[in-house]
Amino acid sequence: MKVRSTAIPNVLIIEPKVFGDERGFFFESFNQRRWQEATGLHTTFVQHNHSASGKNVLRGLHYQIQQPQGKLVRVLAGEVFDVAVDLRQSSPTFGQWVGEYLSAANKKQFWIPEGFAHGFLVLSEQAEFLYLATDYYAPKHERAILWNDPDLNITWPLQGKACLSEKDRTACSFQDADLFE
């Protein structure tokens, strides 16, 4: 696997080694030992989530203020634009975001550490998305920030109108958000 840093050093892009021929392909989507050697992170994933969404569905920006979740995400079918926002007030990249195109074709994975909000926009007609999380879902600690908050100024590659859940339509602004130290 190849690991690349992003403009926010703690957010990583993972490119697996893919073996393919006329029959199809094979790759290890996760190997604990290789993960630790390549990233230096001693991470345990306790929950795996799988979602399916249609074009222009925008999920996020979500995080848990307590029981924060680190997430290793990838796309199983289709394509998304995936975003991580640094919510750690003590960080030199506080309030900054980084985005990456993830697709079934490029097989990239995106590591979003604890202390970040996460969201994605579906670019294909349909996308299936897999999340490996470092802590359990805790609804009472879940928070959401507006996907189009002007202070964050995320450049979503949206063509048309975003399809949002009620939670995402009524999310708070970045200025009013609960943040990490």
N, C-alpha and C. Protein backbone atom coordinates (compact mmCIF):
# COMPACT_ATOMS: atom_id res chain seq x y z
N MET A 1 0.84 -1.18 0.00
CA MET A 1 0.00 0.00 0.00
C MET A 1 0.88 1.24 0.00
N LYS A 2 0.38 2.28 -0.63
CA LYS A 2 1.07 3.55 -0.66
C LYS A 2 0.24 4.54 0.17
N VAL A 3 0.90 5.26 1.07
CA VAL A 3 0.23 6.23 1.93
C VAL A 3 0.75 7.62 1.57
N ARG A 4 -0.21 8.53 1.32
CA ARG A 4 0.16 9.91 1.01
C ARG A 4 -0.51 10.85 2.02
N SER A 5 0.24 11.84 2.45
CA SER A 5 -0.33 12.90 3.28
C SER A 5 -1.10 13.86 2.39
N THR A 6 -2.01 14.59 3.01
CA THR A 6 -2.76 15.63 2.31
C THR A 6 -2.28 16.98 2.83
N ALA A 7 -2.96 18.04 2.46
CA ALA A 7 -2.63 19.37 2.96
C ALA A 7 -2.82 19.46 4.48
N ILE A 8 -3.60 18.56 5.03
CA ILE A 8 -3.73 18.42 6.48
C ILE A 8 -3.01 17.13 6.82
N PRO A 9 -1.83 17.21 7.43
CA PRO A 9 -0.96 16.04 7.58
C PRO A 9 -1.59 14.80 8.20
N ASN A 10 -2.55 14.93 9.11
CA ASN A 10 -3.14 13.76 9.76
C ASN A 10 -4.15 13.03 8.87
N VAL A 11 -4.63 13.68 7.84
CA VAL A 11 -5.57 13.07 6.90
C VAL A 11 -4.76 12.41 5.80
N LEU A 12 -5.03 11.13 5.57
CA LEU A 12 -4.19 10.35 4.66
C LEU A 12 -4.98 9.77 3.50
N ILE A 13 -4.31 9.61 2.38
CA ILE A 13 -4.85 8.89 1.23
C ILE A 13 -4.10 7.57 1.15
N ILE A 14 -4.84 6.50 1.11
CA ILE A 14 -4.27 5.16 1.05
C ILE A 14 -4.55 4.60 -0.34
N GLU A 15 -3.49 4.18 -1.01
CA GLU A 15 -3.64 3.56 -2.33
C GLU A 15 -3.16 2.11 -2.23
N PRO A 16 -4.09 1.16 -2.27
CA PRO A 16 -3.71 -0.23 -2.12
C PRO A 16 -2.99 -0.75 -3.37
N LYS A 17 -2.22 -1.80 -3.18
CA LYS A 17 -1.60 -2.47 -4.31
C LYS A 17 -2.65 -3.40 -4.90
N VAL A 18 -3.00 -3.16 -6.16
CA VAL A 18 -4.07 -3.91 -6.82
C VAL A 18 -3.46 -4.88 -7.81
N PHE A 19 -3.90 -6.12 -7.74
CA PHE A 19 -3.46 -7.16 -8.68
C PHE A 19 -4.63 -7.43 -9.61
N GLY A 20 -4.41 -7.26 -10.90
CA GLY A 20 -5.50 -7.47 -11.84
C GLY A 20 -5.06 -8.16 -13.11
N ASP A 21 -6.00 -8.83 -13.72
CA ASP A 21 -5.79 -9.45 -15.03
C ASP A 21 -7.15 -9.56 -15.71
N GLU A 22 -7.24 -10.38 -16.75
CA GLU A 22 -8.48 -10.47 -17.51
C GLU A 22 -9.65 -11.01 -16.67
N ARG A 23 -9.35 -11.64 -15.53
CA ARG A 23 -10.41 -12.18 -14.67
C ARG A 23 -11.02 -11.13 -13.76
N GLY A 24 -10.30 -10.03 -13.52
CA GLY A 24 -10.75 -9.01 -12.58
C GLY A 24 -9.59 -8.49 -11.76
N PHE A 25 -9.81 -8.26 -10.47
CA PHE A 25 -8.76 -7.73 -9.61
C PHE A 25 -8.88 -8.31 -8.21
N PHE A 26 -7.79 -8.11 -7.44
CA PHE A 26 -7.75 -8.46 -6.02
C PHE A 26 -6.88 -7.44 -5.33
N PHE A 27 -7.28 -7.02 -4.14
CA PHE A 27 -6.41 -6.23 -3.28
C PHE A 27 -6.84 -6.40 -1.83
N GLU A 28 -5.86 -6.23 -0.93
CA GLU A 28 -6.17 -6.22 0.50
C GLU A 28 -6.74 -4.85 0.82
N SER A 29 -7.97 -4.80 1.25
CA SER A 29 -8.54 -3.50 1.61
C SER A 29 -8.10 -3.06 3.00
N PHE A 30 -7.69 -4.02 3.83
CA PHE A 30 -7.12 -3.66 5.13
C PHE A 30 -6.29 -4.82 5.65
N ASN A 31 -5.13 -4.48 6.21
CA ASN A 31 -4.24 -5.44 6.85
C ASN A 31 -3.65 -4.70 8.04
N GLN A 32 -3.97 -5.13 9.25
CA GLN A 32 -3.56 -4.42 10.47
C GLN A 32 -2.06 -4.17 10.52
N ARG A 33 -1.26 -5.19 10.25
CA ARG A 33 0.20 -5.04 10.32
C ARG A 33 0.70 -4.02 9.30
N ARG A 34 0.25 -4.15 8.06
CA ARG A 34 0.69 -3.20 7.02
C ARG A 34 0.22 -1.78 7.32
N TRP A 35 -1.01 -1.66 7.83
CA TRP A 35 -1.55 -0.35 8.21
C TRP A 35 -0.64 0.32 9.24
N GLN A 36 -0.27 -0.42 10.29
CA GLN A 36 0.58 0.13 11.33
C GLN A 36 1.96 0.49 10.79
N GLU A 37 2.54 -0.37 9.97
CA GLU A 37 3.86 -0.10 9.40
C GLU A 37 3.83 1.12 8.49
N ALA A 38 2.80 1.25 7.67
CA ALA A 38 2.74 2.33 6.69
C ALA A 38 2.33 3.67 7.28
N THR A 39 1.47 3.66 8.32
CA THR A 39 0.94 4.91 8.86
C THR A 39 1.51 5.27 10.23
N GLY A 40 2.03 4.28 10.95
CA GLY A 40 2.46 4.50 12.32
C GLY A 40 1.30 4.55 13.30
N LEU A 41 0.09 4.27 12.82
CA LEU A 41 -1.11 4.33 13.65
C LEU A 41 -1.46 2.94 14.18
N HIS A 42 -1.76 2.88 15.47
CA HIS A 42 -2.20 1.63 16.10
C HIS A 42 -3.71 1.75 16.31
N THR A 43 -4.42 1.55 15.23
CA THR A 43 -5.86 1.78 15.17
C THR A 43 -6.62 0.47 15.28
N THR A 44 -7.72 0.51 16.01
CA THR A 44 -8.64 -0.62 16.05
C THR A 44 -9.97 -0.15 15.51
N PHE A 45 -10.48 -0.88 14.55
CA PHE A 45 -11.79 -0.55 13.98
C PHE A 45 -12.84 -1.43 14.65
N VAL A 46 -13.86 -0.80 15.25
CA VAL A 46 -14.86 -1.52 16.01
C VAL A 46 -16.22 -1.58 15.32
N GLN A 47 -16.37 -0.79 14.26
CA GLN A 47 -17.66 -0.76 13.57
C GLN A 47 -17.41 -0.53 12.09
N HIS A 48 -18.11 -1.32 11.25
CA HIS A 48 -18.04 -1.15 9.80
C HIS A 48 -19.43 -0.77 9.32
N ASN A 49 -19.53 0.30 8.54
CA ASN A 49 -20.82 0.77 8.02
C ASN A 49 -20.79 0.77 6.50
N HIS A 50 -21.93 0.55 5.89
CA HIS A 50 -22.05 0.50 4.44
C HIS A 50 -23.29 1.31 4.08
N SER A 51 -23.13 2.29 3.17
CA SER A 51 -24.27 3.08 2.73
C SER A 51 -24.36 3.06 1.21
N ALA A 52 -25.57 3.27 0.71
CA ALA A 52 -25.81 3.43 -0.72
C ALA A 52 -26.56 4.74 -0.90
N SER A 53 -26.17 5.50 -1.91
CA SER A 53 -26.77 6.81 -2.14
C SER A 53 -26.80 7.10 -3.63
N GLY A 54 -27.77 7.93 -4.03
CA GLY A 54 -27.89 8.34 -5.42
C GLY A 54 -27.14 9.63 -5.70
N LYS A 55 -27.12 9.99 -6.96
CA LYS A 55 -26.41 11.19 -7.43
C LYS A 55 -26.87 12.43 -6.66
N ASN A 56 -25.91 13.28 -6.33
CA ASN A 56 -26.09 14.55 -5.62
C ASN A 56 -26.51 14.40 -4.16
N VAL A 57 -26.53 13.17 -3.64
CA VAL A 57 -26.74 13.02 -2.20
C VAL A 57 -25.48 13.53 -1.52
N LEU A 58 -25.68 14.40 -0.55
CA LEU A 58 -24.58 14.94 0.23
C LEU A 58 -24.82 14.57 1.68
N ARG A 59 -23.90 13.79 2.22
CA ARG A 59 -24.00 13.35 3.61
C ARG A 59 -22.90 14.06 4.41
N GLY A 60 -23.30 14.84 5.38
CA GLY A 60 -22.30 15.50 6.21
C GLY A 60 -22.57 16.98 6.34
N LEU A 61 -21.81 17.54 7.11
CA LEU A 61 -20.54 17.20 7.75
C LEU A 61 -20.81 16.67 9.14
N HIS A 62 -20.47 15.42 9.41
CA HIS A 62 -20.82 14.74 10.65
C HIS A 62 -19.59 14.44 11.50
N TYR A 63 -19.83 14.41 12.82
CA TYR A 63 -18.79 14.02 13.78
C TYR A 63 -19.44 13.73 15.11
N GLN A 64 -18.70 13.13 16.02
CA GLN A 64 -19.16 12.89 17.38
C GLN A 64 -18.26 13.67 18.32
N ILE A 65 -18.84 14.54 19.13
CA ILE A 65 -18.06 15.40 20.02
C ILE A 65 -17.46 14.59 21.17
N GLN A 66 -18.14 13.55 21.61
CA GLN A 66 -17.57 12.56 22.53
C GLN A 66 -17.60 11.22 21.80
N GLN A 67 -16.74 10.31 22.21
CA GLN A 67 -16.55 9.07 21.47
C GLN A 67 -16.24 9.38 20.00
N PRO A 68 -15.28 10.28 19.75
CA PRO A 68 -14.98 10.65 18.36
C PRO A 68 -14.53 9.43 17.56
N GLN A 69 -14.91 9.43 16.30
CA GLN A 69 -14.59 8.30 15.43
C GLN A 69 -13.53 8.69 14.41
N GLY A 70 -12.46 7.91 14.35
CA GLY A 70 -11.60 7.95 13.18
C GLY A 70 -12.26 7.08 12.14
N LYS A 71 -12.13 7.44 10.87
CA LYS A 71 -12.81 6.68 9.82
C LYS A 71 -11.85 6.40 8.67
N LEU A 72 -11.81 5.16 8.26
CA LEU A 72 -11.13 4.76 7.03
C LEU A 72 -12.25 4.44 6.06
N VAL A 73 -12.34 5.22 4.99
CA VAL A 73 -13.49 5.11 4.08
C VAL A 73 -13.03 4.78 2.66
N ARG A 74 -13.93 4.13 1.93
CA ARG A 74 -13.68 3.85 0.52
C ARG A 74 -15.00 3.62 -0.19
N VAL A 75 -14.95 3.68 -1.51
CA VAL A 75 -16.13 3.51 -2.35
C VAL A 75 -16.08 2.13 -2.98
N LEU A 76 -17.18 1.40 -2.87
CA LEU A 76 -17.29 0.06 -3.46
C LEU A 76 -17.88 0.10 -4.86
N ALA A 77 -18.75 1.08 -5.12
CA ALA A 77 -19.37 1.25 -6.43
C ALA A 77 -19.62 2.73 -6.64
N GLY A 78 -19.31 3.24 -7.84
CA GLY A 78 -19.56 4.64 -8.14
C GLY A 78 -18.40 5.55 -7.77
N GLU A 79 -18.72 6.84 -7.55
CA GLU A 79 -17.70 7.85 -7.24
C GLU A 79 -18.28 8.90 -6.31
N VAL A 80 -17.45 9.36 -5.37
CA VAL A 80 -17.83 10.43 -4.45
C VAL A 80 -16.68 11.43 -4.34
N PHE A 81 -17.03 12.62 -3.85
CA PHE A 81 -16.04 13.59 -3.41
C PHE A 81 -16.12 13.59 -1.89
N ASP A 82 -15.05 13.21 -1.23
CA ASP A 82 -15.02 13.01 0.21
C ASP A 82 -14.27 14.16 0.88
N VAL A 83 -14.78 14.64 2.01
CA VAL A 83 -14.22 15.82 2.67
C VAL A 83 -13.99 15.57 4.16
N ALA A 84 -12.86 16.06 4.66
CA ALA A 84 -12.55 16.07 6.09
C ALA A 84 -12.28 17.51 6.51
N VAL A 85 -12.86 17.92 7.63
CA VAL A 85 -12.69 19.28 8.17
C VAL A 85 -12.08 19.17 9.56
N ASP A 86 -10.98 19.87 9.78
CA ASP A 86 -10.29 19.85 11.07
C ASP A 86 -11.05 20.70 12.08
N LEU A 87 -11.54 20.04 13.15
CA LEU A 87 -12.29 20.72 14.20
C LEU A 87 -11.51 20.82 15.51
N ARG A 88 -10.20 20.56 15.44
CA ARG A 88 -9.34 20.59 16.62
C ARG A 88 -8.80 22.01 16.80
N GLN A 89 -9.31 22.72 17.80
CA GLN A 89 -8.94 24.13 18.01
C GLN A 89 -7.45 24.32 18.23
N SER A 90 -6.77 23.33 18.76
CA SER A 90 -5.33 23.45 19.02
C SER A 90 -4.48 23.13 17.79
N SER A 91 -5.10 22.76 16.71
CA SER A 91 -4.38 22.34 15.50
C SER A 91 -4.00 23.54 14.63
N PRO A 92 -2.82 23.51 14.00
CA PRO A 92 -2.46 24.59 13.06
C PRO A 92 -3.34 24.58 11.80
N THR A 93 -4.08 23.49 11.58
CA THR A 93 -4.97 23.44 10.41
C THR A 93 -6.45 23.52 10.82
N PHE A 94 -6.71 24.04 12.02
CA PHE A 94 -8.08 24.18 12.52
C PHE A 94 -8.93 24.96 11.51
N GLY A 95 -10.10 24.42 11.22
CA GLY A 95 -11.05 25.08 10.31
C GLY A 95 -10.74 24.87 8.84
N GLN A 96 -9.68 24.15 8.54
CA GLN A 96 -9.35 23.87 7.14
C GLN A 96 -9.95 22.53 6.73
N TRP A 97 -10.13 22.38 5.43
CA TRP A 97 -10.70 21.15 4.91
C TRP A 97 -9.81 20.62 3.79
N VAL A 98 -9.96 19.33 3.54
CA VAL A 98 -9.29 18.68 2.43
C VAL A 98 -10.29 17.71 1.81
N GLY A 99 -10.25 17.60 0.48
CA GLY A 99 -11.17 16.70 -0.21
C GLY A 99 -10.42 15.78 -1.15
N GLU A 100 -11.05 14.64 -1.44
CA GLU A 100 -10.44 13.65 -2.33
C GLU A 100 -11.54 12.93 -3.10
N TYR A 101 -11.27 12.67 -4.37
CA TYR A 101 -12.19 11.86 -5.17
C TYR A 101 -11.91 10.39 -4.88
N LEU A 102 -12.94 9.69 -4.46
CA LEU A 102 -12.85 8.26 -4.20
C LEU A 102 -13.80 7.55 -5.14
N SER A 103 -13.35 6.45 -5.71
CA SER A 103 -14.22 5.72 -6.62
C SER A 103 -13.91 4.23 -6.58
N ALA A 104 -14.84 3.45 -7.10
CA ALA A 104 -14.60 2.02 -7.25
C ALA A 104 -13.44 1.80 -8.20
N ALA A 105 -13.29 2.70 -9.18
CA ALA A 105 -12.22 2.54 -10.17
C ALA A 105 -10.84 2.85 -9.59
N ASN A 106 -10.71 3.93 -8.80
CA ASN A 106 -9.37 4.27 -8.30
C ASN A 106 -9.01 3.54 -7.00
N LYS A 107 -9.99 2.97 -6.33
CA LYS A 107 -9.80 2.14 -5.13
C LYS A 107 -9.07 2.85 -3.98
N LYS A 108 -8.99 4.17 -4.04
CA LYS A 108 -8.35 4.93 -2.96
C LYS A 108 -9.19 4.83 -1.70
N GLN A 109 -8.48 4.95 -0.57
CA GLN A 109 -9.12 5.04 0.73
C GLN A 109 -8.70 6.37 1.36
N PHE A 110 -9.53 6.86 2.26
CA PHE A 110 -9.30 8.15 2.89
C PHE A 110 -9.36 7.93 4.39
N TRP A 111 -8.31 8.33 5.11
CA TRP A 111 -8.27 8.24 6.57
C TRP A 111 -8.61 9.60 7.14
N ILE A 112 -9.71 9.64 7.91
CA ILE A 112 -10.15 10.85 8.60
C ILE A 112 -9.99 10.57 10.09
N PRO A 113 -9.03 11.23 10.76
CA PRO A 113 -8.80 10.93 12.18
C PRO A 113 -9.88 11.51 13.09
N GLU A 114 -9.84 11.08 14.34
CA GLU A 114 -10.71 11.66 15.36
C GLU A 114 -10.47 13.17 15.40
N GLY A 115 -11.52 13.93 15.69
CA GLY A 115 -11.39 15.38 15.76
C GLY A 115 -11.73 16.09 14.46
N PHE A 116 -12.23 15.34 13.49
CA PHE A 116 -12.58 15.90 12.19
C PHE A 116 -14.06 15.66 11.90
N ALA A 117 -14.67 16.59 11.17
CA ALA A 117 -15.99 16.36 10.59
C ALA A 117 -15.78 15.70 9.23
N HIS A 118 -16.75 14.91 8.82
CA HIS A 118 -16.64 14.16 7.58
C HIS A 118 -17.92 14.27 6.77
N GLY A 119 -17.75 14.36 5.47
CA GLY A 119 -18.91 14.37 4.58
C GLY A 119 -18.51 13.93 3.18
N PHE A 120 -19.50 13.58 2.38
CA PHE A 120 -19.22 13.24 0.99
C PHE A 120 -20.40 13.56 0.10
N LEU A 121 -20.09 13.79 -1.16
CA LEU A 121 -21.06 14.09 -2.21
C LEU A 121 -20.96 12.99 -3.26
N VAL A 122 -22.10 12.40 -3.63
CA VAL A 122 -22.13 11.36 -4.65
C VAL A 122 -22.11 12.01 -6.03
N LEU A 123 -21.14 11.62 -6.84
CA LEU A 123 -20.98 12.18 -8.19
C LEU A 123 -21.55 11.27 -9.27
N SER A 124 -21.59 9.98 -9.02
CA SER A 124 -22.11 9.00 -9.98
C SER A 124 -23.62 8.84 -9.78
N GLU A 125 -24.25 8.07 -10.65
CA GLU A 125 -25.69 7.83 -10.51
C GLU A 125 -26.02 7.13 -9.19
N GLN A 126 -25.13 6.29 -8.75
CA GLN A 126 -25.28 5.56 -7.49
C GLN A 126 -23.89 5.34 -6.92
N ALA A 127 -23.77 5.31 -5.61
CA ALA A 127 -22.49 4.99 -4.97
C ALA A 127 -22.74 4.17 -3.73
N GLU A 128 -21.84 3.21 -3.50
CA GLU A 128 -21.84 2.45 -2.25
C GLU A 128 -20.56 2.81 -1.53
N PHE A 129 -20.69 3.11 -0.24
CA PHE A 129 -19.63 3.68 0.56
C PHE A 129 -19.42 2.82 1.79
N LEU A 130 -18.17 2.51 2.11
CA LEU A 130 -17.84 1.68 3.27
C LEU A 130 -17.02 2.50 4.26
N TYR A 131 -17.42 2.47 5.53
CA TYR A 131 -16.73 3.17 6.60
C TYR A 131 -16.22 2.15 7.61
N LEU A 132 -14.97 2.23 7.99
CA LEU A 132 -14.45 1.50 9.13
C LEU A 132 -14.23 2.56 10.22
N ALA A 133 -14.85 2.38 11.38
CA ALA A 133 -14.81 3.40 12.43
C ALA A 133 -14.09 2.90 13.67
N THR A 134 -13.38 3.81 14.34
CA THR A 134 -12.59 3.47 15.52
C THR A 134 -13.39 3.48 16.81
N ASP A 135 -14.61 4.01 16.78
CA ASP A 135 -15.47 3.97 17.96
C ASP A 135 -16.90 3.75 17.50
N TYR A 136 -17.76 3.40 18.44
CA TYR A 136 -19.13 3.08 18.12
C TYR A 136 -19.96 4.33 17.88
N TYR A 137 -20.97 4.20 17.06
CA TYR A 137 -21.90 5.28 16.82
C TYR A 137 -22.60 5.64 18.12
N ALA A 138 -22.62 6.91 18.45
CA ALA A 138 -23.23 7.41 19.68
C ALA A 138 -24.14 8.57 19.33
N PRO A 139 -25.41 8.31 19.04
CA PRO A 139 -26.32 9.36 18.57
C PRO A 139 -26.38 10.61 19.46
N LYS A 140 -26.26 10.42 20.78
CA LYS A 140 -26.35 11.59 21.67
C LYS A 140 -25.14 12.51 21.54
N HIS A 141 -24.05 12.01 20.98
CA HIS A 141 -22.85 12.83 20.80
C HIS A 141 -22.66 13.28 19.35
N GLU A 142 -23.55 12.85 18.48
CA GLU A 142 -23.41 13.21 17.07
C GLU A 142 -23.73 14.69 16.85
N ARG A 143 -22.94 15.29 15.98
CA ARG A 143 -23.13 16.69 15.61
C ARG A 143 -23.03 16.80 14.10
N ALA A 144 -23.57 17.90 13.57
CA ALA A 144 -23.49 18.16 12.13
C ALA A 144 -23.27 19.65 11.90
N ILE A 145 -22.42 19.95 10.95
CA ILE A 145 -22.15 21.33 10.52
C ILE A 145 -22.68 21.46 9.10
N LEU A 146 -23.22 22.62 8.79
CA LEU A 146 -23.75 22.87 7.44
C LEU A 146 -22.72 22.57 6.37
N TRP A 147 -23.10 21.81 5.41
CA TRP A 147 -22.22 21.39 4.31
C TRP A 147 -21.71 22.59 3.50
N ASN A 148 -22.52 23.66 3.44
CA ASN A 148 -22.15 24.84 2.65
C ASN A 148 -21.84 26.05 3.52
N ASP A 149 -21.31 25.81 4.70
CA ASP A 149 -20.98 26.89 5.62
C ASP A 149 -20.00 27.86 4.96
N PRO A 150 -20.29 29.16 4.96
CA PRO A 150 -19.41 30.12 4.28
C PRO A 150 -18.03 30.26 4.92
N ASP A 151 -17.91 30.01 6.22
CA ASP A 151 -16.59 30.10 6.85
C ASP A 151 -15.68 28.95 6.41
N LEU A 152 -16.26 27.77 6.18
CA LEU A 152 -15.46 26.64 5.71
C LEU A 152 -15.18 26.74 4.22
N ASN A 153 -16.15 27.26 3.47
CA ASN A 153 -15.99 27.51 2.02
C ASN A 153 -15.49 26.28 1.27
N ILE A 154 -16.14 25.15 1.49
CA ILE A 154 -15.78 23.90 0.81
C ILE A 154 -16.21 23.99 -0.65
N THR A 155 -15.31 23.62 -1.53
CA THR A 155 -15.59 23.65 -2.97
C THR A 155 -16.12 22.28 -3.38
N TRP A 156 -17.41 22.07 -3.17
CA TRP A 156 -18.04 20.82 -3.57
C TRP A 156 -18.24 20.82 -5.08
N PRO A 157 -17.93 19.74 -5.77
CA PRO A 157 -18.14 19.67 -7.22
C PRO A 157 -19.59 19.30 -7.55
N LEU A 158 -20.51 20.05 -7.00
CA LEU A 158 -21.94 19.77 -7.12
C LEU A 158 -22.48 20.32 -8.42
N GLN A 159 -23.15 19.49 -9.17
CA GLN A 159 -23.84 19.91 -10.39
C GLN A 159 -25.32 19.64 -10.16
N GLY A 160 -26.07 20.70 -9.91
CA GLY A 160 -27.48 20.55 -9.56
C GLY A 160 -27.69 20.87 -8.10
N LYS A 161 -28.80 20.38 -7.58
CA LYS A 161 -29.17 20.66 -6.19
C LYS A 161 -28.76 19.49 -5.31
N ALA A 162 -28.21 19.80 -4.14
CA ALA A 162 -27.82 18.76 -3.19
C ALA A 162 -29.06 18.10 -2.61
N CYS A 163 -29.01 16.79 -2.48
CA CYS A 163 -30.07 16.01 -1.84
C CYS A 163 -29.61 15.77 -0.40
N LEU A 164 -30.34 16.36 0.57
CA LEU A 164 -29.90 16.37 1.96
C LEU A 164 -30.93 15.72 2.88
N SER A 165 -30.46 15.16 3.97
CA SER A 165 -31.35 14.69 5.04
C SER A 165 -31.82 15.91 5.83
N GLU A 166 -32.83 15.71 6.63
CA GLU A 166 -33.31 16.79 7.50
C GLU A 166 -32.19 17.24 8.44
N LYS A 167 -31.44 16.29 8.98
CA LYS A 167 -30.32 16.61 9.88
C LYS A 167 -29.31 17.52 9.19
N ASP A 168 -29.01 17.25 7.93
CA ASP A 168 -28.02 18.06 7.22
C ASP A 168 -28.59 19.41 6.78
N ARG A 169 -29.87 19.46 6.50
CA ARG A 169 -30.51 20.74 6.14
C ARG A 169 -30.53 21.70 7.32
N THR A 170 -30.65 21.15 8.53
CA THR A 170 -30.80 22.00 9.72
C THR A 170 -29.54 22.01 10.60
N ALA A 171 -28.42 21.57 10.05
CA ALA A 171 -27.16 21.54 10.80
C ALA A 171 -26.75 22.96 11.21
N CYS A 172 -25.89 23.04 12.20
CA CYS A 172 -25.44 24.34 12.69
C CYS A 172 -24.29 24.89 11.84
N SER A 173 -24.01 26.15 12.03
CA SER A 173 -22.88 26.78 11.35
C SER A 173 -21.58 26.36 12.02
N PHE A 174 -20.49 26.55 11.33
CA PHE A 174 -19.17 26.28 11.90
C PHE A 174 -18.95 27.14 13.14
N GLN A 175 -19.36 28.41 13.10
CA GLN A 175 -19.18 29.31 14.24
C GLN A 175 -19.93 28.84 15.49
N ASP A 176 -21.06 28.14 15.30
CA ASP A 176 -21.85 27.68 16.44
C ASP A 176 -21.58 26.22 16.81
N ALA A 177 -20.67 25.58 16.14
CA ALA A 177 -20.42 24.14 16.33
C ALA A 177 -19.69 23.86 17.63
N ASP A 178 -19.98 22.69 18.20
CA ASP A 178 -19.17 22.15 19.28
C ASP A 178 -17.87 21.69 18.66
N LEU A 179 -16.75 22.04 19.29
CA LEU A 179 -15.43 21.76 18.70
C LEU A 179 -14.57 20.95 19.66
N PHE A 180 -13.48 20.45 19.16
CA PHE A 180 -12.51 19.71 19.96
C PHE A 180 -11.42 20.66 20.45
N GLU A 181 -10.80 20.35 21.59
CA GLU A 181 -9.71 21.19 22.13
C GLU A 181 -8.54 21.22 21.22
